[in-house]
Amino acid sequence: MGVPLESFLKKKRSIGVVAHSFKNDITLAAIPGKNINSLVIDEFTAKKVLNAEG
């Protein structure tokens, strides 16, 4: 599910939920952009995020 970016950025809380490997790039882009302030991810994606962060 997606929402328009303008609406998304106006919200006080934003939770990202990722449970598939093809969303890795999107997840990695959202974290440093501070587009989400809570993240729920599967183990595979968590490993990819941690490896990318160094």
C-alpha atoms as a PDB file:
ATOM      1  CA  MET A   1       0.000   0.000   0.000  1.00  0.00           C
ATOM      2  CA  GLY A   2       1.274   3.456  -0.710  1.00  0.00           C
ATOM      3  CA  VAL A   3       0.295   7.022   0.035  1.00  0.00           C
ATOM      4  CA  PRO A   4       1.168  10.245  -1.784  1.00  0.00           C
ATOM      5  CA  LEU A   5       4.524  11.617  -0.616  1.00  0.00           C
ATOM      6  CA  GLU A   6       3.024  14.986   0.376  1.00  0.00           C
ATOM      7  CA  SER A   7       0.604  13.286   2.786  1.00  0.00           C
ATOM      8  CA  PHE A   8       3.269  10.987   4.077  1.00  0.00           C
ATOM      9  CA  LEU A   9       5.706  13.770   4.943  1.00  0.00           C
ATOM     10  CA  LYS A  10       3.081  15.724   6.920  1.00  0.00           C
ATOM     11  CA  LYS A  11       2.464  12.900   9.384  1.00  0.00           C
ATOM     12  CA  LYS A  12       4.031  12.919  12.849  1.00  0.00           C
ATOM     13  CA  ARG A  13       4.500   9.143  12.887  1.00  0.00           C
ATOM     14  CA  SER A  14       5.389   6.954   9.932  1.00  0.00           C
ATOM     15  CA  ILE A  15       5.945   3.218  10.148  1.00  0.00           C
ATOM     16  CA  GLY A  16       7.645   1.286   7.393  1.00  0.00           C
ATOM     17  CA  VAL A  17       6.834  -2.414   7.045  1.00  0.00           C
ATOM     18  CA  VAL A  18       9.022  -4.458   4.700  1.00  0.00           C
ATOM     19  CA  ALA A  19       8.798  -8.211   4.237  1.00  0.00           C
ATOM     20  CA  HIS A  20      10.330  -8.925   0.875  1.00  0.00           C
ATOM     21  CA  SER A  21      13.818  -8.716  -0.551  1.00  0.00           C
ATOM     22  CA  PHE A  22      12.809  -6.678  -3.623  1.00  0.00           C
ATOM     23  CA  LYS A  23      12.090  -3.740  -1.281  1.00  0.00           C
ATOM     24  CA  ASN A  24      15.687  -3.493  -0.015  1.00  0.00           C
ATOM     25  CA  ASP A  25      16.599  -0.461  -2.122  1.00  0.00           C
ATOM     26  CA  ILE A  26      13.489   1.420  -1.058  1.00  0.00           C
ATOM     27  CA  THR A  27      14.147   0.605   2.589  1.00  0.00           C
ATOM     28  CA  LEU A  28      17.768   1.735   2.339  1.00  0.00           C
ATOM     29  CA  ALA A  29      16.662   5.020   0.753  1.00  0.00           C
ATOM     30  CA  ALA A  30      13.977   5.718   3.355  1.00  0.00           C
ATOM     31  CA  ILE A  31      16.226   5.348   6.409  1.00  0.00           C
ATOM     32  CA  PRO A  32      18.776   8.136   5.814  1.00  0.00           C
ATOM     33  CA  GLY A  33      16.072  10.324   4.293  1.00  0.00           C
ATOM     34  CA  LYS A  34      14.278  10.192   7.660  1.00  0.00           C
ATOM     35  CA  ASN A  35      11.059   9.340   5.844  1.00  0.00           C
ATOM     36  CA  ILE A  36      10.161   6.759   8.482  1.00  0.00           C
ATOM     37  CA  ASN A  37      10.599   6.805  12.240  1.00  0.00           C
ATOM     38  CA  SER A  38       9.676   3.166  12.915  1.00  0.00           C
ATOM     39  CA  LEU A  39      10.619   0.141  10.874  1.00  0.00           C
ATOM     40  CA  VAL A  40       9.319  -3.440  10.911  1.00  0.00           C
ATOM     41  CA  ILE A  41      11.307  -5.766   8.657  1.00  0.00           C
ATOM     42  CA  ASP A  42      12.040  -9.429   8.142  1.00  0.00           C
ATOM     43  CA  GLU A  43      15.391 -11.004   9.025  1.00  0.00           C
ATOM     44  CA  PHE A  44      16.689 -11.061   5.430  1.00  0.00           C
ATOM     45  CA  THR A  45      16.014  -7.356   4.939  1.00  0.00           C
ATOM     46  CA  ALA A  46      17.482  -6.539   8.364  1.00  0.00           C
ATOM     47  CA  LYS A  47      20.758  -8.204   7.384  1.00  0.00           C
ATOM     48  CA  LYS A  48      20.858  -6.228   4.123  1.00  0.00           C
ATOM     49  CA  VAL A  49      20.211  -2.942   5.966  1.00  0.00           C
ATOM     50  CA  LEU A  50      22.884  -3.680   8.573  1.00  0.00           C
ATOM     51  CA  ASN A  51      25.439  -4.633   5.905  1.00  0.00           C
ATOM     52  CA  ALA A  52      24.691  -1.479   3.911  1.00  0.00           C
ATOM     53  CA  GLU A  53      25.016   0.723   6.990  1.00  0.00           C
ATOM     54  CA  GLY A  54      28.494  -0.643   7.662  1.00  0.00           C
END
